[in-house]
N, C-alpha and C. Protein backbone atom coordinates (compact mmCIF):
# COMPACT_ATOMS: atom_id res chain seq x y z
N MET A 1 -32.92 11.06 -21.46
CA MET A 1 -31.57 11.40 -20.99
C MET A 1 -30.57 11.19 -22.13
N ASN A 2 -29.62 12.07 -22.26
CA ASN A 2 -28.59 11.93 -23.28
C ASN A 2 -27.53 10.97 -22.77
N THR A 3 -27.59 9.74 -23.26
CA THR A 3 -26.69 8.70 -22.73
C THR A 3 -25.24 8.97 -23.08
N ILE A 4 -25.01 9.57 -24.27
CA ILE A 4 -23.63 9.84 -24.66
C ILE A 4 -23.01 10.88 -23.74
N ALA A 5 -23.78 11.94 -23.47
CA ALA A 5 -23.27 12.97 -22.55
C ALA A 5 -23.08 12.42 -21.16
N ASP A 6 -24.01 11.55 -20.71
CA ASP A 6 -23.90 10.98 -19.37
C ASP A 6 -22.68 10.08 -19.26
N ALA A 7 -22.41 9.31 -20.34
CA ALA A 7 -21.26 8.40 -20.31
C ALA A 7 -19.95 9.16 -20.29
N ALA A 8 -19.96 10.41 -20.81
CA ALA A 8 -18.72 11.18 -20.86
C ALA A 8 -18.35 11.78 -19.51
N LYS A 9 -19.28 11.79 -18.57
CA LYS A 9 -18.99 12.38 -17.27
C LYS A 9 -17.97 11.53 -16.51
N ALA A 10 -16.93 12.14 -16.04
CA ALA A 10 -15.91 11.43 -15.28
C ALA A 10 -16.07 11.73 -13.80
N TYR A 11 -15.63 10.80 -12.98
CA TYR A 11 -15.59 11.05 -11.55
C TYR A 11 -14.59 12.17 -11.29
N PRO A 12 -14.75 12.93 -10.20
CA PRO A 12 -13.75 13.94 -9.87
C PRO A 12 -12.36 13.31 -9.74
N ARG A 13 -11.36 14.07 -10.08
CA ARG A 13 -9.99 13.53 -10.07
C ARG A 13 -9.61 12.98 -8.71
N SER A 14 -9.99 13.67 -7.63
CA SER A 14 -9.65 13.19 -6.29
C SER A 14 -10.28 11.83 -6.00
N VAL A 15 -11.50 11.62 -6.49
CA VAL A 15 -12.19 10.35 -6.29
C VAL A 15 -11.48 9.23 -7.06
N ARG A 16 -11.08 9.55 -8.29
CA ARG A 16 -10.39 8.53 -9.10
C ARG A 16 -9.05 8.15 -8.48
N ARG A 17 -8.31 9.14 -8.01
CA ARG A 17 -7.01 8.84 -7.41
C ARG A 17 -7.17 8.00 -6.15
N LEU A 18 -8.14 8.34 -5.34
CA LEU A 18 -8.37 7.56 -4.12
C LEU A 18 -8.82 6.14 -4.46
N HIS A 19 -9.66 6.02 -5.48
CA HIS A 19 -10.17 4.71 -5.89
C HIS A 19 -9.03 3.76 -6.26
N TRP A 20 -8.14 4.22 -7.14
CA TRP A 20 -7.07 3.34 -7.61
C TRP A 20 -6.01 3.12 -6.54
N SER A 21 -5.76 4.11 -5.71
CA SER A 21 -4.81 3.93 -4.61
C SER A 21 -5.32 2.88 -3.63
N MET A 22 -6.62 2.95 -3.30
CA MET A 22 -7.19 1.98 -2.38
C MET A 22 -7.26 0.59 -3.01
N ALA A 23 -7.55 0.53 -4.31
CA ALA A 23 -7.60 -0.77 -4.98
C ALA A 23 -6.25 -1.47 -4.90
N LEU A 24 -5.18 -0.74 -5.23
CA LEU A 24 -3.84 -1.33 -5.14
C LEU A 24 -3.47 -1.66 -3.70
N GLY A 25 -3.84 -0.76 -2.78
CA GLY A 25 -3.51 -0.99 -1.37
C GLY A 25 -4.22 -2.20 -0.80
N LEU A 26 -5.51 -2.36 -1.10
CA LEU A 26 -6.27 -3.48 -0.56
C LEU A 26 -5.79 -4.81 -1.13
N LEU A 27 -5.57 -4.85 -2.44
CA LEU A 27 -5.07 -6.10 -3.04
C LEU A 27 -3.68 -6.43 -2.50
N GLY A 28 -2.85 -5.40 -2.36
CA GLY A 28 -1.52 -5.63 -1.80
C GLY A 28 -1.57 -6.13 -0.37
N MET A 29 -2.52 -5.61 0.41
CA MET A 29 -2.65 -6.04 1.80
C MET A 29 -3.11 -7.49 1.90
N VAL A 30 -4.00 -7.91 1.00
CA VAL A 30 -4.46 -9.30 1.01
C VAL A 30 -3.29 -10.23 0.70
N LEU A 31 -2.53 -9.91 -0.35
CA LEU A 31 -1.39 -10.75 -0.72
C LEU A 31 -0.33 -10.73 0.37
N PHE A 32 -0.12 -9.57 0.97
CA PHE A 32 0.85 -9.43 2.06
C PHE A 32 0.43 -10.27 3.26
N GLY A 33 -0.87 -10.25 3.56
CA GLY A 33 -1.38 -11.05 4.68
C GLY A 33 -1.23 -12.54 4.44
N LEU A 34 -1.49 -12.98 3.21
CA LEU A 34 -1.32 -14.40 2.89
C LEU A 34 0.14 -14.81 3.01
N PHE A 35 1.05 -13.91 2.63
CA PHE A 35 2.47 -14.21 2.77
C PHE A 35 2.85 -14.33 4.25
N MET A 36 2.34 -13.42 5.08
CA MET A 36 2.65 -13.49 6.51
C MET A 36 2.12 -14.78 7.12
N GLY A 37 0.93 -15.21 6.64
CA GLY A 37 0.36 -16.44 7.17
C GLY A 37 1.18 -17.67 6.85
N SER A 38 2.00 -17.58 5.81
CA SER A 38 2.83 -18.72 5.44
C SER A 38 4.12 -18.80 6.26
N LEU A 39 4.43 -17.75 7.03
CA LEU A 39 5.65 -17.74 7.84
C LEU A 39 5.44 -18.51 9.14
N SER A 40 6.49 -19.11 9.62
CA SER A 40 6.41 -19.82 10.89
C SER A 40 6.39 -18.83 12.05
N LEU A 41 5.90 -19.27 13.20
CA LEU A 41 5.83 -18.39 14.37
C LEU A 41 7.21 -17.94 14.83
N GLU A 42 8.24 -18.72 14.52
CA GLU A 42 9.60 -18.38 14.96
C GLU A 42 10.31 -17.45 13.99
N ASP A 43 9.70 -17.14 12.86
CA ASP A 43 10.35 -16.30 11.86
C ASP A 43 10.56 -14.90 12.42
N PRO A 44 11.79 -14.38 12.42
CA PRO A 44 12.07 -13.06 13.02
C PRO A 44 11.42 -11.90 12.25
N ARG A 45 10.98 -12.14 11.04
CA ARG A 45 10.37 -11.07 10.25
C ARG A 45 8.92 -10.82 10.63
N ARG A 46 8.30 -11.73 11.35
CA ARG A 46 6.87 -11.64 11.62
C ARG A 46 6.49 -10.36 12.37
N GLY A 47 7.27 -9.99 13.38
CA GLY A 47 6.93 -8.82 14.19
C GLY A 47 6.89 -7.55 13.37
N LEU A 48 7.93 -7.32 12.57
CA LEU A 48 8.01 -6.12 11.74
C LEU A 48 6.90 -6.12 10.69
N LEU A 49 6.69 -7.26 10.05
CA LEU A 49 5.67 -7.35 9.01
C LEU A 49 4.27 -7.14 9.57
N MET A 50 4.02 -7.66 10.77
CA MET A 50 2.71 -7.48 11.40
C MET A 50 2.44 -6.01 11.70
N ARG A 51 3.45 -5.32 12.22
CA ARG A 51 3.27 -3.90 12.53
C ARG A 51 3.06 -3.08 11.26
N LEU A 52 3.81 -3.43 10.21
CA LEU A 52 3.64 -2.74 8.93
C LEU A 52 2.24 -2.99 8.37
N HIS A 53 1.79 -4.23 8.46
CA HIS A 53 0.46 -4.61 7.99
C HIS A 53 -0.62 -3.83 8.75
N LEU A 54 -0.43 -3.68 10.04
CA LEU A 54 -1.39 -2.95 10.86
C LEU A 54 -1.43 -1.47 10.49
N MET A 55 -0.27 -0.84 10.31
CA MET A 55 -0.23 0.58 10.00
C MET A 55 -0.87 0.88 8.65
N VAL A 56 -0.55 0.07 7.66
CA VAL A 56 -1.15 0.28 6.33
C VAL A 56 -2.66 0.03 6.39
N GLY A 57 -3.07 -0.96 7.17
CA GLY A 57 -4.49 -1.24 7.33
C GLY A 57 -5.24 -0.07 7.93
N LEU A 58 -4.64 0.60 8.91
CA LEU A 58 -5.28 1.76 9.53
C LEU A 58 -5.35 2.94 8.55
N LEU A 59 -4.32 3.09 7.71
CA LEU A 59 -4.36 4.13 6.68
C LEU A 59 -5.49 3.86 5.68
N LEU A 60 -5.66 2.60 5.31
CA LEU A 60 -6.74 2.23 4.39
C LEU A 60 -8.11 2.43 5.05
N LEU A 61 -8.18 2.22 6.35
CA LEU A 61 -9.43 2.47 7.07
C LEU A 61 -9.79 3.95 7.01
N ALA A 62 -8.80 4.82 7.23
CA ALA A 62 -9.04 6.26 7.15
C ALA A 62 -9.47 6.66 5.74
N ALA A 63 -8.84 6.05 4.73
CA ALA A 63 -9.21 6.35 3.34
C ALA A 63 -10.62 5.87 3.04
N ALA A 64 -11.01 4.72 3.59
CA ALA A 64 -12.36 4.20 3.38
C ALA A 64 -13.40 5.11 4.01
N MET A 65 -13.10 5.65 5.18
CA MET A 65 -14.03 6.56 5.83
C MET A 65 -14.18 7.86 5.02
N LEU A 66 -13.08 8.33 4.45
CA LEU A 66 -13.13 9.51 3.60
C LEU A 66 -13.96 9.23 2.35
N ARG A 67 -13.75 8.07 1.76
CA ARG A 67 -14.52 7.69 0.57
C ARG A 67 -16.00 7.58 0.89
N LEU A 68 -16.34 7.01 2.03
CA LEU A 68 -17.73 6.90 2.45
C LEU A 68 -18.35 8.29 2.64
N ARG A 69 -17.59 9.18 3.22
CA ARG A 69 -18.08 10.56 3.40
C ARG A 69 -18.38 11.20 2.05
N TRP A 70 -17.47 11.02 1.09
CA TRP A 70 -17.69 11.58 -0.24
C TRP A 70 -18.94 11.00 -0.89
N ARG A 71 -19.16 9.71 -0.70
CA ARG A 71 -20.36 9.10 -1.29
C ARG A 71 -21.62 9.65 -0.65
N LEU A 72 -21.61 9.83 0.65
CA LEU A 72 -22.78 10.38 1.32
C LEU A 72 -23.01 11.83 0.92
N GLN A 73 -21.94 12.52 0.55
CA GLN A 73 -22.07 13.91 0.09
C GLN A 73 -22.54 14.00 -1.36
N GLY A 74 -22.60 12.87 -2.06
CA GLY A 74 -23.07 12.87 -3.44
C GLY A 74 -22.01 13.17 -4.47
N ARG A 75 -20.74 12.93 -4.14
CA ARG A 75 -19.67 13.21 -5.10
C ARG A 75 -19.53 12.10 -6.13
N MET A 76 -20.26 11.01 -5.99
CA MET A 76 -20.21 9.92 -6.95
C MET A 76 -21.39 10.00 -7.90
N PRO A 77 -21.16 9.93 -9.23
CA PRO A 77 -22.28 9.91 -10.17
C PRO A 77 -23.18 8.71 -9.93
N ASP A 78 -24.46 8.85 -10.27
CA ASP A 78 -25.41 7.77 -10.09
C ASP A 78 -25.12 6.63 -11.06
N LEU A 79 -25.72 5.47 -10.80
CA LEU A 79 -25.60 4.35 -11.73
C LEU A 79 -26.25 4.72 -13.07
N PRO A 80 -25.76 4.17 -14.16
CA PRO A 80 -26.38 4.46 -15.47
C PRO A 80 -27.87 4.14 -15.47
N SER A 81 -28.64 5.00 -16.09
CA SER A 81 -30.09 4.82 -16.12
C SER A 81 -30.51 3.61 -16.95
N VAL A 82 -29.61 3.11 -17.81
CA VAL A 82 -29.95 1.97 -18.66
C VAL A 82 -29.82 0.64 -17.91
N TYR A 83 -29.29 0.66 -16.69
CA TYR A 83 -29.19 -0.57 -15.91
C TYR A 83 -30.58 -1.10 -15.58
N GLY A 84 -30.75 -2.41 -15.71
CA GLY A 84 -31.98 -3.04 -15.30
C GLY A 84 -32.06 -3.14 -13.78
N ARG A 85 -33.21 -3.58 -13.28
CA ARG A 85 -33.40 -3.64 -11.83
C ARG A 85 -32.40 -4.59 -11.18
N PHE A 86 -32.22 -5.79 -11.75
CA PHE A 86 -31.28 -6.75 -11.17
C PHE A 86 -29.85 -6.24 -11.25
N GLU A 87 -29.49 -5.67 -12.40
CA GLU A 87 -28.13 -5.18 -12.60
C GLU A 87 -27.81 -4.06 -11.62
N ALA A 88 -28.75 -3.14 -11.43
CA ALA A 88 -28.54 -2.04 -10.49
C ALA A 88 -28.45 -2.55 -9.06
N ALA A 89 -29.31 -3.53 -8.72
CA ALA A 89 -29.29 -4.09 -7.37
C ALA A 89 -27.97 -4.80 -7.10
N LEU A 90 -27.45 -5.53 -8.10
CA LEU A 90 -26.18 -6.24 -7.94
C LEU A 90 -25.04 -5.24 -7.77
N ALA A 91 -25.04 -4.17 -8.56
CA ALA A 91 -23.99 -3.17 -8.46
C ALA A 91 -24.00 -2.51 -7.08
N ARG A 92 -25.18 -2.18 -6.58
CA ARG A 92 -25.28 -1.56 -5.26
C ARG A 92 -24.85 -2.54 -4.16
N ALA A 93 -25.20 -3.81 -4.33
CA ALA A 93 -24.82 -4.81 -3.33
C ALA A 93 -23.31 -4.98 -3.27
N VAL A 94 -22.67 -5.02 -4.44
CA VAL A 94 -21.21 -5.17 -4.48
C VAL A 94 -20.52 -3.95 -3.87
N HIS A 95 -21.03 -2.76 -4.20
CA HIS A 95 -20.45 -1.55 -3.61
C HIS A 95 -20.65 -1.51 -2.10
N GLY A 96 -21.84 -1.92 -1.66
CA GLY A 96 -22.08 -1.97 -0.22
C GLY A 96 -21.16 -2.95 0.47
N LEU A 97 -20.93 -4.11 -0.17
CA LEU A 97 -20.02 -5.10 0.40
C LEU A 97 -18.60 -4.55 0.48
N PHE A 98 -18.20 -3.80 -0.53
CA PHE A 98 -16.87 -3.19 -0.49
C PHE A 98 -16.71 -2.29 0.74
N TYR A 99 -17.70 -1.47 1.03
CA TYR A 99 -17.59 -0.57 2.17
C TYR A 99 -17.56 -1.36 3.49
N VAL A 100 -18.37 -2.41 3.57
CA VAL A 100 -18.35 -3.24 4.78
C VAL A 100 -16.96 -3.85 4.99
N LEU A 101 -16.36 -4.35 3.91
CA LEU A 101 -15.05 -4.99 4.02
C LEU A 101 -13.93 -3.97 4.21
N MET A 102 -14.01 -2.84 3.51
CA MET A 102 -12.96 -1.83 3.64
C MET A 102 -12.88 -1.27 5.05
N ILE A 103 -14.02 -1.23 5.73
CA ILE A 103 -14.04 -0.74 7.11
C ILE A 103 -13.88 -1.88 8.10
N GLY A 104 -14.54 -3.02 7.81
CA GLY A 104 -14.53 -4.13 8.74
C GLY A 104 -13.21 -4.87 8.84
N LEU A 105 -12.53 -5.07 7.71
CA LEU A 105 -11.27 -5.82 7.74
C LEU A 105 -10.20 -5.15 8.60
N PRO A 106 -9.97 -3.84 8.45
CA PRO A 106 -8.98 -3.21 9.35
C PRO A 106 -9.37 -3.29 10.82
N LEU A 107 -10.67 -3.17 11.12
CA LEU A 107 -11.10 -3.26 12.51
C LEU A 107 -10.90 -4.67 13.06
N LEU A 108 -11.19 -5.68 12.23
CA LEU A 108 -10.94 -7.06 12.65
C LEU A 108 -9.45 -7.29 12.87
N GLY A 109 -8.63 -6.75 11.95
CA GLY A 109 -7.19 -6.90 12.10
C GLY A 109 -6.67 -6.23 13.36
N LEU A 110 -7.23 -5.07 13.69
CA LEU A 110 -6.84 -4.38 14.92
C LEU A 110 -7.20 -5.22 16.15
N GLY A 111 -8.38 -5.84 16.10
CA GLY A 111 -8.79 -6.70 17.21
C GLY A 111 -7.87 -7.89 17.37
N VAL A 112 -7.48 -8.50 16.24
CA VAL A 112 -6.54 -9.63 16.29
C VAL A 112 -5.21 -9.18 16.89
N TRP A 113 -4.73 -8.03 16.45
CA TRP A 113 -3.44 -7.53 16.95
C TRP A 113 -3.49 -7.27 18.46
N LEU A 114 -4.61 -6.77 18.95
CA LEU A 114 -4.73 -6.48 20.38
C LEU A 114 -4.82 -7.74 21.23
N LEU A 115 -5.49 -8.77 20.72
CA LEU A 115 -5.79 -9.94 21.55
C LEU A 115 -4.84 -11.12 21.34
N ASP A 116 -4.52 -11.40 20.10
CA ASP A 116 -3.76 -12.62 19.79
C ASP A 116 -2.30 -12.48 20.22
N PRO A 117 -1.80 -13.34 21.10
CA PRO A 117 -0.41 -13.24 21.54
C PRO A 117 0.60 -13.70 20.50
N PHE A 118 0.12 -14.23 19.35
CA PHE A 118 1.03 -14.75 18.34
C PHE A 118 1.21 -13.81 17.15
N VAL A 119 0.75 -12.57 17.27
CA VAL A 119 0.88 -11.65 16.15
C VAL A 119 1.67 -10.40 16.53
N ALA A 120 2.56 -10.51 17.45
CA ALA A 120 3.48 -9.42 17.85
C ALA A 120 2.73 -8.19 18.32
N GLY A 121 1.60 -8.38 19.01
CA GLY A 121 0.85 -7.27 19.56
C GLY A 121 0.83 -7.35 21.08
N PRO A 122 -0.05 -6.60 21.73
CA PRO A 122 -0.15 -6.64 23.19
C PRO A 122 -0.50 -8.01 23.73
N GLY A 123 -1.21 -8.83 22.95
CA GLY A 123 -1.58 -10.17 23.40
C GLY A 123 -2.46 -10.15 24.63
N LEU A 124 -3.52 -9.34 24.60
CA LEU A 124 -4.37 -9.17 25.77
C LEU A 124 -5.14 -10.42 26.15
N ALA A 125 -5.23 -11.37 25.23
CA ALA A 125 -5.98 -12.60 25.53
C ALA A 125 -5.34 -13.33 26.71
N GLY A 126 -4.00 -13.34 26.74
CA GLY A 126 -3.28 -13.97 27.85
C GLY A 126 -3.75 -15.39 28.10
N GLN A 127 -4.13 -15.66 29.34
CA GLN A 127 -4.61 -16.98 29.72
C GLN A 127 -6.13 -17.06 29.73
N SER A 128 -6.80 -16.02 29.29
CA SER A 128 -8.27 -16.01 29.27
C SER A 128 -8.79 -16.87 28.13
N VAL A 129 -9.57 -17.88 28.46
CA VAL A 129 -10.12 -18.76 27.44
C VAL A 129 -11.11 -18.00 26.56
N ALA A 130 -11.94 -17.17 27.19
CA ALA A 130 -12.95 -16.42 26.43
C ALA A 130 -12.30 -15.47 25.44
N LEU A 131 -11.28 -14.71 25.90
CA LEU A 131 -10.60 -13.79 25.00
C LEU A 131 -9.80 -14.54 23.93
N GLY A 132 -9.28 -15.70 24.30
CA GLY A 132 -8.57 -16.52 23.33
C GLY A 132 -9.51 -16.99 22.22
N ASP A 133 -10.72 -17.41 22.60
CA ASP A 133 -11.72 -17.82 21.61
C ASP A 133 -12.12 -16.65 20.72
N LEU A 134 -12.26 -15.47 21.36
CA LEU A 134 -12.61 -14.28 20.59
C LEU A 134 -11.52 -13.93 19.59
N ALA A 135 -10.27 -14.03 20.03
CA ALA A 135 -9.15 -13.74 19.13
C ALA A 135 -9.15 -14.71 17.95
N GLY A 136 -9.44 -15.97 18.22
CA GLY A 136 -9.50 -16.96 17.14
C GLY A 136 -10.63 -16.66 16.17
N TRP A 137 -11.78 -16.24 16.70
CA TRP A 137 -12.91 -15.91 15.84
C TRP A 137 -12.58 -14.70 14.96
N LEU A 138 -11.96 -13.69 15.57
CA LEU A 138 -11.58 -12.50 14.81
C LEU A 138 -10.58 -12.84 13.72
N HIS A 139 -9.65 -13.71 14.03
CA HIS A 139 -8.64 -14.11 13.06
C HIS A 139 -9.29 -14.82 11.87
N ARG A 140 -10.21 -15.74 12.15
CA ARG A 140 -10.89 -16.45 11.06
C ARG A 140 -11.74 -15.50 10.23
N ALA A 141 -12.44 -14.58 10.89
CA ALA A 141 -13.27 -13.61 10.17
C ALA A 141 -12.41 -12.71 9.28
N HIS A 142 -11.25 -12.31 9.80
CA HIS A 142 -10.33 -11.48 9.02
C HIS A 142 -9.83 -12.23 7.79
N TYR A 143 -9.52 -13.50 7.97
CA TYR A 143 -9.02 -14.33 6.87
C TYR A 143 -10.10 -14.54 5.81
N LEU A 144 -11.30 -14.91 6.25
CA LEU A 144 -12.39 -15.14 5.30
C LEU A 144 -12.81 -13.84 4.62
N GLY A 145 -12.77 -12.73 5.35
CA GLY A 145 -13.11 -11.44 4.76
C GLY A 145 -12.15 -11.05 3.64
N ALA A 146 -10.88 -11.41 3.78
CA ALA A 146 -9.91 -11.11 2.73
C ALA A 146 -10.25 -11.86 1.45
N TRP A 147 -10.64 -13.12 1.58
CA TRP A 147 -11.04 -13.89 0.40
C TRP A 147 -12.34 -13.36 -0.19
N LEU A 148 -13.25 -12.92 0.67
CA LEU A 148 -14.50 -12.33 0.19
C LEU A 148 -14.22 -11.03 -0.57
N LEU A 149 -13.24 -10.27 -0.12
CA LEU A 149 -12.85 -9.05 -0.81
C LEU A 149 -12.34 -9.37 -2.21
N LEU A 150 -11.52 -10.42 -2.34
CA LEU A 150 -11.03 -10.81 -3.66
C LEU A 150 -12.18 -11.22 -4.57
N ALA A 151 -13.16 -11.93 -4.02
CA ALA A 151 -14.32 -12.33 -4.82
C ALA A 151 -15.12 -11.11 -5.28
N ALA A 152 -15.29 -10.12 -4.39
CA ALA A 152 -16.01 -8.90 -4.75
C ALA A 152 -15.27 -8.13 -5.83
N VAL A 153 -13.93 -8.08 -5.73
CA VAL A 153 -13.13 -7.41 -6.74
C VAL A 153 -13.32 -8.08 -8.09
N LEU A 154 -13.37 -9.41 -8.10
CA LEU A 154 -13.55 -10.15 -9.35
C LEU A 154 -14.90 -9.82 -9.98
N VAL A 155 -15.96 -9.83 -9.19
CA VAL A 155 -17.29 -9.50 -9.71
C VAL A 155 -17.31 -8.06 -10.23
N HIS A 156 -16.72 -7.16 -9.48
CA HIS A 156 -16.67 -5.75 -9.87
C HIS A 156 -15.90 -5.58 -11.18
N LEU A 157 -14.79 -6.29 -11.31
CA LEU A 157 -13.97 -6.19 -12.51
C LEU A 157 -14.69 -6.76 -13.73
N VAL A 158 -15.36 -7.90 -13.55
CA VAL A 158 -16.11 -8.50 -14.66
C VAL A 158 -17.20 -7.54 -15.14
N GLY A 159 -17.91 -6.92 -14.20
CA GLY A 159 -18.95 -5.97 -14.57
C GLY A 159 -18.41 -4.76 -15.30
N ALA A 160 -17.26 -4.26 -14.85
CA ALA A 160 -16.66 -3.08 -15.49
C ALA A 160 -16.18 -3.41 -16.90
N LEU A 161 -15.54 -4.56 -17.07
CA LEU A 161 -15.04 -4.95 -18.39
C LEU A 161 -16.17 -5.32 -19.32
N ARG A 162 -17.23 -5.91 -18.77
CA ARG A 162 -18.38 -6.27 -19.58
C ARG A 162 -19.03 -5.04 -20.22
N GLY A 163 -19.04 -3.94 -19.48
CA GLY A 163 -19.63 -2.72 -20.00
C GLY A 163 -18.88 -2.15 -21.18
N LEU A 164 -17.57 -2.41 -21.27
CA LEU A 164 -16.77 -1.87 -22.37
C LEU A 164 -17.18 -2.45 -23.71
N ARG A 165 -17.79 -3.64 -23.71
CA ARG A 165 -18.19 -4.29 -24.95
C ARG A 165 -19.61 -3.91 -25.36
N SER A 166 -20.26 -3.11 -24.54
CA SER A 166 -21.64 -2.73 -24.83
C SER A 166 -21.69 -1.67 -25.92
N ALA A 167 -22.76 -1.72 -26.75
CA ALA A 167 -22.96 -0.71 -27.79
C ALA A 167 -23.55 0.57 -27.20
N THR A 168 -24.00 0.51 -25.94
CA THR A 168 -24.58 1.68 -25.27
C THR A 168 -23.48 2.44 -24.54
N PRO A 169 -23.19 3.68 -24.92
CA PRO A 169 -22.09 4.43 -24.29
C PRO A 169 -22.24 4.55 -22.78
N GLU A 170 -23.47 4.65 -22.30
CA GLU A 170 -23.67 4.86 -20.87
C GLU A 170 -23.21 3.68 -20.04
N ARG A 171 -23.12 2.49 -20.65
CA ARG A 171 -22.68 1.31 -19.91
C ARG A 171 -21.17 1.25 -19.75
N ARG A 172 -20.45 2.06 -20.46
CA ARG A 172 -18.99 2.02 -20.40
C ARG A 172 -18.49 2.86 -19.23
N VAL A 173 -18.93 2.44 -18.04
CA VAL A 173 -18.66 3.24 -16.84
C VAL A 173 -17.18 3.24 -16.46
N LEU A 174 -16.42 2.26 -16.95
CA LEU A 174 -15.00 2.21 -16.58
C LEU A 174 -14.27 3.46 -17.04
N TRP A 175 -14.71 4.04 -18.16
CA TRP A 175 -14.04 5.25 -18.65
C TRP A 175 -14.16 6.39 -17.64
N ARG A 176 -15.22 6.40 -16.84
CA ARG A 176 -15.41 7.49 -15.88
C ARG A 176 -14.45 7.41 -14.71
N MET A 177 -13.84 6.23 -14.50
CA MET A 177 -12.98 6.03 -13.34
C MET A 177 -11.51 5.88 -13.71
N LEU A 178 -11.17 6.03 -14.99
CA LEU A 178 -9.76 5.91 -15.37
C LEU A 178 -8.92 6.96 -14.65
N PRO A 179 -7.70 6.60 -14.22
CA PRO A 179 -6.88 7.55 -13.45
C PRO A 179 -6.34 8.70 -14.28
N PHE A 180 -6.37 8.57 -15.61
CA PHE A 180 -5.87 9.65 -16.46
C PHE A 180 -7.05 10.31 -17.19
N GLU A 181 -6.82 11.51 -17.68
CA GLU A 181 -7.87 12.28 -18.34
C GLU A 181 -8.07 11.77 -19.77
N ARG A 182 -9.34 11.76 -20.19
CA ARG A 182 -9.67 11.46 -21.58
C ARG A 182 -10.25 12.73 -22.20
N GLN A 183 -10.10 12.85 -23.50
CA GLN A 183 -10.57 14.06 -24.17
C GLN A 183 -12.07 14.26 -24.01
N SER A 184 -12.83 13.14 -24.05
CA SER A 184 -14.29 13.24 -24.01
C SER A 184 -14.83 13.27 -22.60
N SER A 185 -13.93 13.19 -21.60
CA SER A 185 -14.39 13.15 -20.22
C SER A 185 -14.41 14.53 -19.61
N ARG A 186 -15.41 14.79 -18.80
CA ARG A 186 -15.46 16.04 -18.05
C ARG A 186 -15.92 15.73 -16.64
N PRO A 187 -15.20 16.22 -15.63
CA PRO A 187 -15.56 15.90 -14.25
C PRO A 187 -16.97 16.37 -13.91
N VAL A 188 -17.62 15.60 -13.04
CA VAL A 188 -18.94 15.97 -12.57
C VAL A 188 -18.81 17.04 -11.51
N SER A 189 -19.54 18.12 -11.64
CA SER A 189 -19.50 19.21 -10.66
C SER A 189 -20.38 18.86 -9.48
N PHE A 190 -19.78 18.79 -8.29
CA PHE A 190 -20.55 18.48 -7.09
C PHE A 190 -21.54 19.59 -6.80
N GLU A 191 -21.13 20.84 -7.00
CA GLU A 191 -22.03 21.95 -6.72
C GLU A 191 -23.22 21.95 -7.67
N ALA A 192 -22.96 21.63 -8.95
CA ALA A 192 -24.06 21.63 -9.91
C ALA A 192 -25.06 20.54 -9.59
N ARG A 193 -24.57 19.39 -9.10
CA ARG A 193 -25.48 18.29 -8.79
C ARG A 193 -26.22 18.56 -7.49
N SER A 194 -25.60 19.26 -6.57
CA SER A 194 -26.22 19.51 -5.29
C SER A 194 -27.22 20.66 -5.34
N HIS A 195 -26.97 21.65 -6.25
CA HIS A 195 -27.82 22.83 -6.31
C HIS A 195 -28.23 23.09 -7.76
N PRO A 196 -29.12 22.24 -8.32
CA PRO A 196 -29.49 22.40 -9.72
C PRO A 196 -30.19 23.72 -10.00
N ARG A 197 -31.01 24.25 -9.07
CA ARG A 197 -31.71 25.50 -9.30
C ARG A 197 -30.73 26.66 -9.41
N ARG A 198 -29.70 26.62 -8.53
CA ARG A 198 -28.70 27.69 -8.54
C ARG A 198 -27.94 27.69 -9.85
N SER A 199 -27.61 26.50 -10.38
CA SER A 199 -26.85 26.42 -11.62
C SER A 199 -27.69 26.92 -12.78
N LYS A 200 -29.04 26.69 -12.76
CA LYS A 200 -29.90 27.17 -13.83
C LYS A 200 -29.94 28.69 -13.85
N LYS A 201 -30.01 29.32 -12.64
CA LYS A 201 -30.04 30.75 -12.55
C LYS A 201 -28.77 31.37 -13.14
N ARG A 202 -27.63 30.71 -12.88
CA ARG A 202 -26.37 31.23 -13.41
C ARG A 202 -26.37 31.18 -14.92
N ARG A 203 -26.93 30.11 -15.48
CA ARG A 203 -26.96 29.99 -16.94
C ARG A 203 -27.85 31.08 -17.56
N ARG A 204 -28.97 31.36 -16.90
CA ARG A 204 -29.86 32.39 -17.44
C ARG A 204 -29.23 33.76 -17.41
N SER A 205 -28.46 34.00 -16.32
CA SER A 205 -27.82 35.29 -16.21
C SER A 205 -26.64 35.42 -17.15
């Protein structure tokens, strides 16, 4: 395999834009959530901030589902072939964790908003002990999931930056996801990857 040519392949522009938008949105939501947690229950800003947090969370959920669809369609280039077995397994595990958290955290937050009477939502838990316990469990899971997301981002960032120092061009995968165009980058054609025989016929003709 030509590693230099493979390293030059960039993700499609739509994928890159969604990636960085979601990265900023998710990190902002975690910091926003921690700020809301520091407010007292009597703070008049809590209701508005909670609703805003919920709406942005649902938008991120829709974006995560779109990103998952694109991945299942094969719009994402494969991992570099020079990755070892452990390195490839770790990369896939971190990406899988991202999808679990990107989808799970908004759903947990929605559950908290529906049940917990202290988050300016319907407060369906009411006087039910069972629903109250469930709301507490969802709240804790949402909180721990946010910290787990930050840890996954750190591992992902270390791996991406580590590749930039490699002498092997194929390991410099961060260049493929930069939000701006590079001279040596060329987007990966989804049609060419999905229908290699068809693309060969076109070249012959």
